[in-house]
N, C-alpha and C. Protein backbone atom coordinates (compact mmCIF):
# COMPACT_ATOMS: atom_id res chain seq x y z
N MET A 1 -15.30 -34.82 4.89
CA MET A 1 -14.22 -35.14 3.96
C MET A 1 -13.86 -33.90 3.12
N ILE A 2 -14.86 -33.28 2.55
CA ILE A 2 -14.62 -32.09 1.73
C ILE A 2 -14.08 -30.96 2.60
N THR A 3 -14.56 -30.87 3.83
CA THR A 3 -14.11 -29.83 4.75
C THR A 3 -12.61 -29.95 5.01
N ASP A 4 -12.13 -31.19 5.19
CA ASP A 4 -10.70 -31.41 5.42
C ASP A 4 -9.88 -30.96 4.21
N ILE A 5 -10.36 -31.32 3.03
CA ILE A 5 -9.68 -30.95 1.79
C ILE A 5 -9.65 -29.43 1.65
N MET A 6 -10.80 -28.79 1.96
CA MET A 6 -10.91 -27.33 1.87
C MET A 6 -9.96 -26.64 2.85
N ASN A 7 -9.91 -27.15 4.09
CA ASN A 7 -9.05 -26.54 5.11
C ASN A 7 -7.58 -26.60 4.70
N GLU A 8 -7.18 -27.74 4.14
CA GLU A 8 -5.79 -27.89 3.70
C GLU A 8 -5.48 -26.90 2.56
N ALA A 9 -6.42 -26.79 1.61
CA ALA A 9 -6.22 -25.88 0.48
C ALA A 9 -6.19 -24.43 0.96
N GLU A 10 -7.07 -24.09 1.90
CA GLU A 10 -7.09 -22.72 2.42
C GLU A 10 -5.78 -22.39 3.12
N ASP A 11 -5.25 -23.36 3.85
CA ASP A 11 -3.98 -23.18 4.54
C ASP A 11 -2.86 -22.91 3.52
N ARG A 12 -2.85 -23.67 2.43
CA ARG A 12 -1.85 -23.47 1.37
C ARG A 12 -2.00 -22.10 0.72
N MET A 13 -3.25 -21.67 0.49
CA MET A 13 -3.49 -20.35 -0.12
C MET A 13 -3.03 -19.24 0.82
N ARG A 14 -3.31 -19.41 2.11
CA ARG A 14 -2.91 -18.41 3.10
C ARG A 14 -1.39 -18.28 3.11
N LYS A 15 -0.71 -19.41 3.05
CA LYS A 15 0.76 -19.40 3.05
C LYS A 15 1.30 -18.72 1.79
N THR A 16 0.62 -18.92 0.67
CA THR A 16 1.04 -18.28 -0.58
C THR A 16 0.99 -16.76 -0.45
N VAL A 17 -0.08 -16.24 0.16
CA VAL A 17 -0.21 -14.79 0.36
C VAL A 17 0.88 -14.30 1.33
N GLU A 18 1.17 -15.08 2.37
CA GLU A 18 2.21 -14.69 3.32
C GLU A 18 3.58 -14.64 2.65
N VAL A 19 3.85 -15.60 1.78
CA VAL A 19 5.12 -15.61 1.03
C VAL A 19 5.23 -14.33 0.21
N LEU A 20 4.14 -13.95 -0.44
CA LEU A 20 4.16 -12.72 -1.24
C LEU A 20 4.44 -11.51 -0.35
N ARG A 21 3.78 -11.45 0.80
CA ARG A 21 4.00 -10.33 1.73
C ARG A 21 5.48 -10.23 2.10
N LYS A 22 6.08 -11.37 2.42
CA LYS A 22 7.50 -11.38 2.82
C LYS A 22 8.39 -10.97 1.66
N GLU A 23 8.09 -11.48 0.46
CA GLU A 23 8.89 -11.12 -0.72
C GLU A 23 8.81 -9.62 -0.97
N LEU A 24 7.62 -9.06 -0.87
CA LEU A 24 7.45 -7.64 -1.16
C LEU A 24 8.04 -6.75 -0.06
N ALA A 25 8.13 -7.28 1.15
CA ALA A 25 8.74 -6.49 2.23
C ALA A 25 10.21 -6.23 1.95
N SER A 26 10.84 -7.15 1.23
CA SER A 26 12.27 -6.99 0.95
C SER A 26 12.52 -6.14 -0.30
N VAL A 27 11.45 -5.74 -0.99
CA VAL A 27 11.61 -4.89 -2.18
C VAL A 27 11.79 -3.45 -1.73
N ARG A 28 12.81 -2.82 -2.26
CA ARG A 28 13.14 -1.45 -1.88
C ARG A 28 12.12 -0.48 -2.47
N ALA A 29 11.54 0.36 -1.63
CA ALA A 29 10.52 1.29 -2.11
C ALA A 29 10.91 2.75 -1.86
N GLY A 30 12.18 3.00 -1.64
CA GLY A 30 12.61 4.37 -1.39
C GLY A 30 12.47 4.78 0.05
N ARG A 31 11.94 3.90 0.86
CA ARG A 31 11.76 4.18 2.27
C ARG A 31 12.48 3.09 3.06
N ALA A 32 13.12 3.45 4.15
CA ALA A 32 13.87 2.48 4.95
C ALA A 32 12.91 1.47 5.59
N ASN A 33 13.28 0.20 5.50
CA ASN A 33 12.47 -0.87 6.06
C ASN A 33 13.42 -2.01 6.45
N PRO A 34 13.42 -2.43 7.71
CA PRO A 34 14.32 -3.51 8.13
C PRO A 34 14.11 -4.80 7.31
N GLY A 35 12.93 -4.98 6.74
CA GLY A 35 12.64 -6.16 5.91
C GLY A 35 13.52 -6.23 4.67
N MET A 36 14.09 -5.09 4.27
CA MET A 36 14.97 -5.06 3.10
C MET A 36 16.19 -5.96 3.30
N LEU A 37 16.59 -6.13 4.56
CA LEU A 37 17.81 -6.88 4.86
C LEU A 37 17.55 -8.35 5.18
N GLU A 38 16.29 -8.78 5.13
CA GLU A 38 15.95 -10.16 5.51
C GLU A 38 16.65 -11.22 4.69
N LYS A 39 16.82 -10.98 3.39
CA LYS A 39 17.43 -12.00 2.53
C LYS A 39 18.95 -11.97 2.54
N ILE A 40 19.53 -10.99 3.21
CA ILE A 40 20.99 -10.87 3.22
C ILE A 40 21.58 -11.77 4.30
N THR A 41 22.48 -12.65 3.87
CA THR A 41 23.15 -13.53 4.83
C THR A 41 24.64 -13.17 4.87
N VAL A 42 25.20 -13.29 6.05
CA VAL A 42 26.59 -12.94 6.30
C VAL A 42 27.34 -14.22 6.64
N ASP A 43 28.57 -14.34 6.11
CA ASP A 43 29.41 -15.48 6.45
C ASP A 43 29.99 -15.20 7.84
N TYR A 44 29.38 -15.77 8.86
CA TYR A 44 29.77 -15.52 10.24
C TYR A 44 30.41 -16.78 10.81
N TYR A 45 31.72 -16.77 10.96
CA TYR A 45 32.50 -17.93 11.40
C TYR A 45 32.17 -19.17 10.59
N GLY A 46 32.08 -18.99 9.26
CA GLY A 46 31.86 -20.11 8.36
C GLY A 46 30.41 -20.53 8.20
N THR A 47 29.49 -19.85 8.87
CA THR A 47 28.08 -20.20 8.79
C THR A 47 27.30 -19.04 8.18
N PRO A 48 26.51 -19.29 7.11
CA PRO A 48 25.68 -18.22 6.56
C PRO A 48 24.59 -17.85 7.58
N THR A 49 24.62 -16.63 8.05
CA THR A 49 23.70 -16.17 9.09
C THR A 49 22.98 -14.91 8.63
N PRO A 50 21.65 -14.82 8.79
CA PRO A 50 20.93 -13.60 8.41
C PRO A 50 21.41 -12.40 9.24
N VAL A 51 21.44 -11.23 8.62
CA VAL A 51 21.91 -10.01 9.29
C VAL A 51 21.11 -9.74 10.56
N ASN A 52 19.78 -9.98 10.50
CA ASN A 52 18.95 -9.66 11.67
C ASN A 52 19.24 -10.56 12.87
N GLN A 53 20.05 -11.62 12.68
CA GLN A 53 20.45 -12.46 13.81
C GLN A 53 21.83 -12.07 14.34
N LEU A 54 22.48 -11.14 13.66
CA LEU A 54 23.80 -10.69 14.08
C LEU A 54 23.80 -9.27 14.64
N ALA A 55 22.70 -8.56 14.40
CA ALA A 55 22.70 -7.14 14.76
C ALA A 55 21.29 -6.63 15.03
N ASN A 56 21.26 -5.49 15.69
CA ASN A 56 20.01 -4.79 15.91
C ASN A 56 19.83 -3.83 14.72
N ILE A 57 18.67 -3.89 14.07
CA ILE A 57 18.42 -3.03 12.91
C ILE A 57 17.34 -2.03 13.29
N SER A 58 17.64 -0.75 13.13
CA SER A 58 16.66 0.29 13.48
C SER A 58 16.50 1.28 12.34
N VAL A 59 15.38 2.02 12.39
CA VAL A 59 15.06 3.01 11.36
C VAL A 59 14.90 4.36 12.05
N PRO A 60 16.01 5.13 12.18
CA PRO A 60 15.91 6.43 12.86
C PRO A 60 15.21 7.49 12.01
N GLU A 61 15.32 7.37 10.68
CA GLU A 61 14.69 8.31 9.75
C GLU A 61 14.04 7.50 8.64
N SER A 62 13.21 8.15 7.85
CA SER A 62 12.50 7.43 6.78
C SER A 62 13.43 6.93 5.68
N ARG A 63 14.62 7.50 5.57
CA ARG A 63 15.56 7.09 4.51
C ARG A 63 16.87 6.53 5.06
N MET A 64 16.86 6.04 6.29
CA MET A 64 18.11 5.51 6.86
C MET A 64 17.86 4.28 7.72
N LEU A 65 18.74 3.30 7.55
CA LEU A 65 18.75 2.12 8.40
C LEU A 65 20.05 2.14 9.19
N ILE A 66 19.97 1.75 10.45
CA ILE A 66 21.18 1.63 11.25
C ILE A 66 21.29 0.19 11.71
N ILE A 67 22.45 -0.40 11.42
CA ILE A 67 22.72 -1.79 11.81
C ILE A 67 23.77 -1.75 12.90
N GLN A 68 23.41 -2.24 14.09
CA GLN A 68 24.33 -2.23 15.21
C GLN A 68 24.66 -3.68 15.58
N PRO A 69 25.81 -4.20 15.09
CA PRO A 69 26.17 -5.59 15.36
C PRO A 69 26.45 -5.82 16.84
N TRP A 70 26.07 -7.00 17.32
CA TRP A 70 26.35 -7.35 18.71
C TRP A 70 27.83 -7.72 18.86
N ASP A 71 28.40 -8.26 17.79
CA ASP A 71 29.82 -8.61 17.77
C ASP A 71 30.50 -7.67 16.77
N LYS A 72 31.30 -6.75 17.27
CA LYS A 72 31.92 -5.72 16.42
C LYS A 72 32.82 -6.34 15.34
N THR A 73 33.33 -7.56 15.57
CA THR A 73 34.21 -8.19 14.58
C THR A 73 33.44 -8.62 13.33
N SER A 74 32.11 -8.64 13.41
CA SER A 74 31.31 -9.06 12.25
C SER A 74 31.00 -7.88 11.31
N MET A 75 31.38 -6.67 11.69
CA MET A 75 31.07 -5.48 10.87
C MET A 75 31.58 -5.58 9.43
N PRO A 76 32.84 -5.94 9.22
CA PRO A 76 33.32 -6.04 7.82
C PRO A 76 32.53 -7.07 7.01
N ALA A 77 32.19 -8.19 7.64
CA ALA A 77 31.42 -9.23 6.94
C ALA A 77 30.02 -8.75 6.58
N ILE A 78 29.39 -7.98 7.48
CA ILE A 78 28.06 -7.44 7.20
C ILE A 78 28.13 -6.43 6.06
N GLU A 79 29.14 -5.56 6.11
CA GLU A 79 29.32 -4.58 5.03
C GLU A 79 29.50 -5.27 3.68
N LYS A 80 30.34 -6.30 3.67
CA LYS A 80 30.63 -7.05 2.44
C LYS A 80 29.34 -7.69 1.90
N ALA A 81 28.53 -8.27 2.79
CA ALA A 81 27.28 -8.92 2.37
C ALA A 81 26.30 -7.91 1.78
N ILE A 82 26.23 -6.72 2.37
CA ILE A 82 25.34 -5.67 1.86
C ILE A 82 25.81 -5.19 0.48
N LEU A 83 27.12 -5.03 0.33
CA LEU A 83 27.66 -4.60 -0.96
C LEU A 83 27.40 -5.64 -2.06
N LYS A 84 27.48 -6.93 -1.70
CA LYS A 84 27.27 -8.00 -2.69
C LYS A 84 25.78 -8.21 -3.00
N SER A 85 24.90 -7.71 -2.14
CA SER A 85 23.47 -7.92 -2.34
C SER A 85 22.96 -7.10 -3.53
N ASP A 86 21.71 -7.38 -3.92
CA ASP A 86 21.12 -6.65 -5.05
C ASP A 86 20.39 -5.38 -4.62
N LEU A 87 20.64 -4.92 -3.40
CA LEU A 87 19.97 -3.71 -2.90
C LEU A 87 20.51 -2.44 -3.55
N GLY A 88 21.77 -2.47 -3.93
CA GLY A 88 22.36 -1.28 -4.54
C GLY A 88 22.63 -0.18 -3.53
N LEU A 89 22.92 -0.57 -2.29
CA LEU A 89 23.19 0.40 -1.23
C LEU A 89 24.65 0.30 -0.81
N THR A 90 25.23 1.44 -0.41
CA THR A 90 26.61 1.46 0.07
C THR A 90 26.61 1.76 1.55
N PRO A 91 27.08 0.81 2.36
CA PRO A 91 27.11 1.03 3.81
C PRO A 91 28.23 1.96 4.23
N SER A 92 28.00 2.73 5.29
CA SER A 92 29.08 3.54 5.86
C SER A 92 29.24 3.11 7.32
N ASN A 93 30.48 2.85 7.69
CA ASN A 93 30.81 2.26 8.98
C ASN A 93 31.58 3.28 9.81
N ASP A 94 31.13 3.52 11.04
CA ASP A 94 31.87 4.45 11.91
C ASP A 94 32.55 3.72 13.07
N GLY A 95 32.63 2.39 12.97
CA GLY A 95 33.27 1.61 14.02
C GLY A 95 32.30 1.11 15.08
N VAL A 96 31.14 1.74 15.18
CA VAL A 96 30.14 1.33 16.16
C VAL A 96 28.89 0.79 15.46
N VAL A 97 28.44 1.51 14.44
CA VAL A 97 27.25 1.11 13.69
C VAL A 97 27.51 1.23 12.19
N ILE A 98 26.66 0.54 11.42
CA ILE A 98 26.71 0.66 9.97
C ILE A 98 25.46 1.42 9.57
N ARG A 99 25.65 2.50 8.79
CA ARG A 99 24.52 3.30 8.32
C ARG A 99 24.26 2.99 6.85
N LEU A 100 22.99 2.81 6.53
CA LEU A 100 22.58 2.62 5.14
C LEU A 100 21.63 3.76 4.80
N THR A 101 22.03 4.62 3.89
CA THR A 101 21.17 5.71 3.45
C THR A 101 20.48 5.26 2.17
N ILE A 102 19.17 5.30 2.18
CA ILE A 102 18.39 4.88 1.02
C ILE A 102 18.17 6.10 0.14
N PRO A 103 18.73 6.08 -1.09
CA PRO A 103 18.57 7.24 -1.98
C PRO A 103 17.16 7.33 -2.55
N GLN A 104 16.82 8.52 -3.00
CA GLN A 104 15.52 8.75 -3.64
C GLN A 104 15.47 7.94 -4.93
N LEU A 105 14.35 7.30 -5.22
CA LEU A 105 14.22 6.53 -6.45
C LEU A 105 13.76 7.44 -7.59
N THR A 106 14.27 7.18 -8.80
CA THR A 106 13.83 7.93 -9.97
C THR A 106 12.48 7.37 -10.43
N ALA A 107 11.76 8.13 -11.21
CA ALA A 107 10.45 7.69 -11.72
C ALA A 107 10.61 6.43 -12.55
N GLU A 108 11.69 6.38 -13.34
CA GLU A 108 11.98 5.22 -14.18
C GLU A 108 12.16 3.97 -13.33
N ARG A 109 12.97 4.11 -12.29
CA ARG A 109 13.27 2.98 -11.39
C ARG A 109 12.00 2.53 -10.66
N ARG A 110 11.17 3.48 -10.28
CA ARG A 110 9.91 3.14 -9.61
C ARG A 110 9.03 2.27 -10.50
N THR A 111 8.90 2.66 -11.79
CA THR A 111 8.06 1.86 -12.70
C THR A 111 8.65 0.48 -12.92
N GLU A 112 9.99 0.39 -12.95
CA GLU A 112 10.65 -0.92 -13.07
C GLU A 112 10.32 -1.80 -11.87
N ILE A 113 10.42 -1.22 -10.69
CA ILE A 113 10.14 -1.97 -9.45
C ILE A 113 8.68 -2.41 -9.43
N VAL A 114 7.77 -1.53 -9.87
CA VAL A 114 6.34 -1.88 -9.91
C VAL A 114 6.12 -3.07 -10.84
N LYS A 115 6.80 -3.08 -11.99
CA LYS A 115 6.67 -4.21 -12.92
C LYS A 115 7.11 -5.51 -12.26
N THR A 116 8.22 -5.46 -11.55
CA THR A 116 8.74 -6.63 -10.85
C THR A 116 7.75 -7.11 -9.80
N VAL A 117 7.20 -6.17 -9.05
CA VAL A 117 6.24 -6.49 -7.99
C VAL A 117 4.98 -7.12 -8.60
N LYS A 118 4.51 -6.57 -9.71
CA LYS A 118 3.32 -7.12 -10.38
C LYS A 118 3.58 -8.54 -10.86
N LYS A 119 4.79 -8.78 -11.35
CA LYS A 119 5.16 -10.11 -11.82
C LYS A 119 5.11 -11.12 -10.66
N LYS A 120 5.67 -10.71 -9.51
CA LYS A 120 5.64 -11.58 -8.33
C LYS A 120 4.20 -11.86 -7.90
N ALA A 121 3.36 -10.83 -7.94
CA ALA A 121 1.96 -10.99 -7.56
C ALA A 121 1.27 -11.97 -8.51
N GLU A 122 1.55 -11.86 -9.79
CA GLU A 122 0.93 -12.76 -10.77
C GLU A 122 1.38 -14.20 -10.54
N GLU A 123 2.65 -14.39 -10.20
CA GLU A 123 3.15 -15.74 -9.90
C GLU A 123 2.38 -16.33 -8.71
N ASN A 124 2.09 -15.50 -7.72
CA ASN A 124 1.34 -15.98 -6.56
C ASN A 124 -0.12 -16.22 -6.89
N ARG A 125 -0.70 -15.42 -7.80
CA ARG A 125 -2.08 -15.68 -8.24
C ARG A 125 -2.15 -17.05 -8.92
N VAL A 126 -1.15 -17.32 -9.77
CA VAL A 126 -1.09 -18.61 -10.47
C VAL A 126 -0.98 -19.75 -9.45
N ALA A 127 -0.17 -19.53 -8.42
CA ALA A 127 -0.03 -20.55 -7.38
C ALA A 127 -1.37 -20.83 -6.70
N VAL A 128 -2.13 -19.77 -6.40
CA VAL A 128 -3.44 -19.93 -5.76
C VAL A 128 -4.39 -20.68 -6.71
N ARG A 129 -4.33 -20.34 -7.99
CA ARG A 129 -5.20 -21.04 -8.96
C ARG A 129 -4.81 -22.51 -9.09
N ASN A 130 -3.52 -22.80 -8.99
CA ASN A 130 -3.08 -24.20 -9.03
C ASN A 130 -3.60 -24.96 -7.81
N ILE A 131 -3.61 -24.30 -6.67
CA ILE A 131 -4.15 -24.93 -5.45
C ILE A 131 -5.65 -25.20 -5.66
N ARG A 132 -6.36 -24.24 -6.28
CA ARG A 132 -7.78 -24.44 -6.57
C ARG A 132 -7.97 -25.64 -7.49
N ARG A 133 -7.15 -25.74 -8.53
CA ARG A 133 -7.25 -26.87 -9.46
C ARG A 133 -7.05 -28.19 -8.72
N ASP A 134 -6.03 -28.25 -7.86
CA ASP A 134 -5.79 -29.47 -7.07
C ASP A 134 -6.97 -29.77 -6.16
N LEU A 135 -7.53 -28.73 -5.56
CA LEU A 135 -8.68 -28.89 -4.67
C LEU A 135 -9.88 -29.46 -5.42
N ILE A 136 -10.16 -28.91 -6.58
CA ILE A 136 -11.29 -29.40 -7.38
C ILE A 136 -11.04 -30.84 -7.83
N ASP A 137 -9.80 -31.15 -8.20
CA ASP A 137 -9.46 -32.53 -8.57
C ASP A 137 -9.70 -33.48 -7.41
N ASP A 138 -9.30 -33.06 -6.20
CA ASP A 138 -9.52 -33.90 -5.01
C ASP A 138 -11.01 -34.10 -4.74
N ILE A 139 -11.80 -33.03 -4.92
CA ILE A 139 -13.25 -33.14 -4.71
C ILE A 139 -13.85 -34.11 -5.72
N LYS A 140 -13.44 -34.00 -6.99
CA LYS A 140 -13.95 -34.92 -8.01
C LYS A 140 -13.55 -36.36 -7.71
N LYS A 141 -12.34 -36.52 -7.17
CA LYS A 141 -11.86 -37.86 -6.84
C LYS A 141 -12.72 -38.50 -5.75
N VAL A 142 -13.02 -37.74 -4.69
CA VAL A 142 -13.86 -38.32 -3.61
C VAL A 142 -15.30 -38.53 -4.08
N GLU A 143 -15.73 -37.71 -5.04
CA GLU A 143 -17.07 -37.91 -5.61
C GLU A 143 -17.08 -39.20 -6.43
N LYS A 144 -16.05 -39.42 -7.21
CA LYS A 144 -15.94 -40.63 -8.04
C LYS A 144 -15.89 -41.88 -7.18
N GLU A 145 -15.23 -41.76 -6.02
CA GLU A 145 -15.12 -42.89 -5.09
C GLU A 145 -16.40 -43.08 -4.28
N LYS A 146 -17.42 -42.25 -4.56
CA LYS A 146 -18.72 -42.31 -3.88
C LYS A 146 -18.63 -42.01 -2.37
N VAL A 147 -17.63 -41.25 -1.97
CA VAL A 147 -17.50 -40.85 -0.57
C VAL A 147 -18.45 -39.69 -0.27
N VAL A 148 -18.65 -38.81 -1.28
CA VAL A 148 -19.58 -37.69 -1.14
C VAL A 148 -20.56 -37.71 -2.32
N SER A 149 -21.71 -37.07 -2.10
CA SER A 149 -22.72 -37.04 -3.17
C SER A 149 -22.34 -36.01 -4.23
N GLU A 150 -23.06 -36.05 -5.34
CA GLU A 150 -22.82 -35.13 -6.44
C GLU A 150 -23.10 -33.69 -5.99
N ASP A 151 -24.19 -33.51 -5.20
CA ASP A 151 -24.54 -32.17 -4.72
C ASP A 151 -23.45 -31.61 -3.80
N GLU A 152 -22.94 -32.46 -2.89
CA GLU A 152 -21.88 -32.01 -1.99
C GLU A 152 -20.63 -31.62 -2.78
N ALA A 153 -20.32 -32.41 -3.80
CA ALA A 153 -19.15 -32.12 -4.64
C ALA A 153 -19.34 -30.78 -5.34
N LYS A 154 -20.55 -30.53 -5.84
CA LYS A 154 -20.84 -29.28 -6.54
C LYS A 154 -20.67 -28.09 -5.59
N LYS A 155 -21.23 -28.24 -4.36
CA LYS A 155 -21.10 -27.18 -3.35
C LYS A 155 -19.62 -26.96 -3.00
N GLY A 156 -18.89 -28.06 -2.92
CA GLY A 156 -17.46 -27.98 -2.61
C GLY A 156 -16.71 -27.21 -3.68
N GLN A 157 -17.07 -27.44 -4.94
CA GLN A 157 -16.41 -26.74 -6.04
C GLN A 157 -16.73 -25.24 -6.00
N GLU A 158 -17.99 -24.93 -5.66
CA GLU A 158 -18.38 -23.51 -5.55
C GLU A 158 -17.61 -22.84 -4.41
N LYS A 159 -17.47 -23.57 -3.29
CA LYS A 159 -16.70 -23.02 -2.15
C LYS A 159 -15.24 -22.82 -2.54
N ALA A 160 -14.73 -23.76 -3.33
CA ALA A 160 -13.34 -23.66 -3.79
C ALA A 160 -13.14 -22.38 -4.60
N GLN A 161 -14.11 -22.06 -5.45
CA GLN A 161 -14.01 -20.85 -6.27
C GLN A 161 -14.08 -19.61 -5.39
N LYS A 162 -14.98 -19.62 -4.39
CA LYS A 162 -15.10 -18.46 -3.49
C LYS A 162 -13.81 -18.26 -2.69
N LEU A 163 -13.23 -19.38 -2.26
CA LEU A 163 -11.98 -19.34 -1.51
C LEU A 163 -10.87 -18.74 -2.38
N THR A 164 -10.81 -19.20 -3.62
CA THR A 164 -9.81 -18.71 -4.57
C THR A 164 -9.99 -17.21 -4.79
N ASP A 165 -11.23 -16.79 -5.01
CA ASP A 165 -11.51 -15.36 -5.22
C ASP A 165 -11.05 -14.53 -4.02
N LYS A 166 -11.27 -15.05 -2.81
CA LYS A 166 -10.89 -14.34 -1.59
C LYS A 166 -9.37 -14.14 -1.54
N TYR A 167 -8.62 -15.20 -1.82
CA TYR A 167 -7.16 -15.09 -1.73
C TYR A 167 -6.56 -14.32 -2.90
N ILE A 168 -7.18 -14.38 -4.06
CA ILE A 168 -6.72 -13.56 -5.19
C ILE A 168 -6.92 -12.08 -4.83
N LYS A 169 -8.05 -11.77 -4.17
CA LYS A 169 -8.31 -10.40 -3.73
C LYS A 169 -7.27 -9.97 -2.69
N ASP A 170 -6.90 -10.89 -1.78
CA ASP A 170 -5.86 -10.57 -0.80
C ASP A 170 -4.54 -10.24 -1.50
N ILE A 171 -4.20 -11.02 -2.52
CA ILE A 171 -2.97 -10.76 -3.27
C ILE A 171 -3.05 -9.40 -3.95
N ASP A 172 -4.21 -9.09 -4.54
CA ASP A 172 -4.40 -7.79 -5.19
C ASP A 172 -4.27 -6.64 -4.19
N ASP A 173 -4.80 -6.84 -2.98
CA ASP A 173 -4.69 -5.81 -1.94
C ASP A 173 -3.24 -5.57 -1.54
N VAL A 174 -2.49 -6.67 -1.36
CA VAL A 174 -1.07 -6.56 -1.01
C VAL A 174 -0.32 -5.83 -2.12
N LEU A 175 -0.64 -6.18 -3.37
CA LEU A 175 0.00 -5.55 -4.53
C LEU A 175 -0.32 -4.06 -4.57
N ASP A 176 -1.59 -3.70 -4.41
CA ASP A 176 -1.99 -2.28 -4.45
C ASP A 176 -1.25 -1.47 -3.39
N LYS A 177 -1.19 -2.03 -2.19
CA LYS A 177 -0.53 -1.34 -1.08
C LYS A 177 0.95 -1.11 -1.40
N LYS A 178 1.62 -2.15 -1.91
CA LYS A 178 3.04 -2.03 -2.22
C LYS A 178 3.26 -1.06 -3.39
N GLU A 179 2.37 -1.13 -4.38
CA GLU A 179 2.48 -0.24 -5.54
C GLU A 179 2.37 1.23 -5.09
N LYS A 180 1.43 1.53 -4.21
CA LYS A 180 1.27 2.89 -3.70
C LYS A 180 2.52 3.33 -2.95
N GLU A 181 3.07 2.39 -2.16
CA GLU A 181 4.28 2.69 -1.37
C GLU A 181 5.45 3.00 -2.30
N ILE A 182 5.57 2.25 -3.39
CA ILE A 182 6.68 2.45 -4.33
C ILE A 182 6.52 3.77 -5.08
N MET A 183 5.32 4.07 -5.53
CA MET A 183 5.09 5.26 -6.35
C MET A 183 5.03 6.55 -5.52
N GLU A 184 4.94 6.41 -4.20
CA GLU A 184 4.91 7.58 -3.32
C GLU A 184 6.26 8.29 -3.35
N VAL A 185 6.23 9.59 -3.56
CA VAL A 185 7.48 10.35 -3.66
C VAL A 185 7.82 10.97 -2.32
């Protein structure tokens, strides 16, 4: 019984870390990354469609993204979506591909981005702790219902804390890696 509860909680914690990874992949770090365009949707024949489903995105250089649409008529819509996004990039279109040049980040902007990234990481830590709280509540509930013994419940709570520590460490590792990437000149 406790094992089932633990597995469900671990699955939720794992998903929380994955969400953080995806969110941080879209954060601009001064280096070209196709993940930057994941959140950008284009109005394609009346349907909001992600850019990566309309075009091939490549990184020929560390500071450039090339977007090659499969349907050339979607180029203006892709450009418009990039301009409206919060990336702060200006696309250049040569009729065949759209080039995005990623400018060098200032030290000030880097520290701002790091603050934002740390805030997102803290939100995910809180989410993991909330999952732990729910897990411990579920363990206490099954203990109260006499489904498991007091000792098993105690062991379950200790495992819950170890699980939480593991995923908080994973979040910290993801944060450290992204922070280094952002501060790298």
